[in-house]
């Protein structure tokens, strides 16, 4: 997947960790291999979301967000990291009731 905004353009590989381990044992592109070997610290279970039959029953959407991590210097002043992380998330499109499938 690729995307851009006025400040940044990037190429993303979104792969569940278990699938990533399998992919590394296969013949894959150098770009995908590099991404899998330098993966983000962010993990999740979005791959467990169910597929929906139609737009009417869809209650989440797949989105990319930018996550800016903060660190502190020796004096306790907040410092931002040089390069923000990109994360893939499932964001609710409407209220989801307890026990309802996503």
Protein backbone atom coordinates (compact mmCIF):
# COMPACT_ATOMS: atom_id res chain seq x y z
CA UNK A 1 0.00 0.00 0.00
CA UNK A 2 1.23 3.48 -0.59
CA UNK A 3 -0.08 6.79 0.56
CA UNK A 4 0.83 10.41 0.77
CA UNK A 5 -0.07 13.62 2.45
CA UNK A 6 1.35 17.11 1.92
CA UNK A 7 4.21 16.41 4.35
CA UNK A 8 5.04 12.76 3.76
CA UNK A 9 4.90 9.97 1.20
CA UNK A 10 5.48 6.38 2.22
CA UNK A 11 5.20 2.77 1.15
CA UNK A 12 3.63 0.46 3.72
CA UNK A 13 3.44 -3.28 4.23
CA UNK A 14 0.66 -4.28 6.63
CA UNK A 15 1.23 -7.90 7.62
CA UNK A 16 0.06 -9.75 10.76
CA UNK A 17 3.13 -10.88 12.74
CA UNK A 18 2.48 -14.60 12.26
CA UNK A 19 2.23 -14.13 8.51
CA UNK A 20 5.37 -11.99 8.57
CA UNK A 21 7.38 -14.81 10.13
CA UNK A 22 6.16 -17.17 7.40
CA UNK A 23 6.87 -14.62 4.65
CA UNK A 24 10.48 -14.22 5.82
CA UNK A 25 11.04 -17.92 5.10
CA UNK A 26 9.82 -17.46 1.52
CA UNK A 27 11.18 -15.81 -1.62
CA UNK A 28 9.88 -12.21 -1.34
CA UNK A 29 10.82 -8.77 -2.63
CA UNK A 30 13.70 -6.92 -0.98
CA UNK A 31 11.30 -4.14 0.02
CA UNK A 32 8.99 -6.53 1.87
CA UNK A 33 11.95 -8.34 3.46
CA UNK A 34 13.35 -5.02 4.72
CA UNK A 35 9.96 -4.03 6.16
CA UNK A 36 9.52 -7.37 7.92
CA UNK A 37 13.01 -7.24 9.40
CA UNK A 38 12.59 -3.69 10.71
CA UNK A 39 8.98 -3.92 11.81
CA UNK A 40 7.21 -1.51 14.09
CA UNK A 41 6.94 -2.06 17.81
CA UNK A 42 3.15 -1.67 17.47
CA UNK A 43 1.17 -4.90 17.57
CA UNK A 44 -2.51 -5.66 17.50
CA UNK A 45 -5.23 -8.15 16.66
CA UNK A 46 -6.96 -6.36 13.77
CA UNK A 47 -6.48 -9.45 11.60
CA UNK A 48 -9.08 -11.12 13.84
CA UNK A 49 -11.83 -8.75 12.69
CA UNK A 50 -14.60 -10.44 10.72
CA UNK A 51 -15.36 -9.52 7.13
CA UNK A 52 -18.75 -7.95 6.55
CA UNK A 53 -21.28 -8.77 3.88
CA UNK A 54 -22.10 -5.17 2.92
CA UNK A 55 -21.61 -1.48 3.78
CA UNK A 56 -24.80 -1.46 5.88
CA UNK A 57 -23.38 -4.00 8.34
CA UNK A 58 -19.85 -2.59 8.37
CA UNK A 59 -19.05 -1.04 11.76
CA UNK A 60 -15.30 -0.37 11.44
CA UNK A 61 -12.99 0.97 8.78
CA UNK A 62 -9.29 0.45 8.14
CA UNK A 63 -7.23 3.62 8.63
CA UNK A 64 -3.60 4.64 8.88
CA UNK A 65 -2.55 6.97 11.67
CA UNK A 66 0.72 8.69 12.51
CA UNK A 67 2.04 8.13 16.02
CA UNK A 68 4.55 10.62 17.36
CA UNK A 69 6.50 9.16 20.28
CA UNK A 70 7.81 11.44 23.00
CA UNK A 71 10.99 11.15 25.01
CA UNK A 72 12.40 13.33 27.76
CA UNK A 73 15.84 14.83 28.02
CA UNK A 74 17.87 14.75 31.25
CA UNK A 75 15.96 17.80 32.55
CA UNK A 76 12.52 16.26 31.95
CA UNK A 77 11.74 18.34 28.84
CA UNK A 78 9.63 16.54 26.23
CA UNK A 79 11.43 15.75 22.98
CA UNK A 80 9.74 14.32 19.90
CA UNK A 81 11.36 11.53 17.92
CA UNK A 82 12.79 12.40 14.54
CA UNK A 83 10.60 10.01 12.54
CA UNK A 84 6.98 9.27 13.53
CA UNK A 85 5.61 5.73 13.28
CA UNK A 86 2.68 4.81 11.07
CA UNK A 87 0.09 2.40 12.47
CA UNK A 88 -2.83 0.63 10.80
CA UNK A 89 -5.97 0.70 12.94
CA UNK A 90 -9.59 -0.38 12.80
CA UNK A 91 -11.69 2.63 13.77
CA UNK A 92 -15.36 2.34 14.69
CA UNK A 93 -17.78 3.93 12.22
CA UNK A 94 -20.66 3.75 14.69
CA UNK A 95 -21.31 2.66 18.27
CA UNK A 96 -20.42 -1.00 18.76
CA UNK A 97 -22.38 -2.87 21.40
CA UNK A 98 -20.69 -5.29 23.85
CA UNK A 99 -20.53 -8.73 22.24
CA UNK A 100 -21.14 -7.38 18.73
CA UNK A 101 -18.73 -8.70 16.06
CA UNK A 102 -16.42 -6.25 14.32
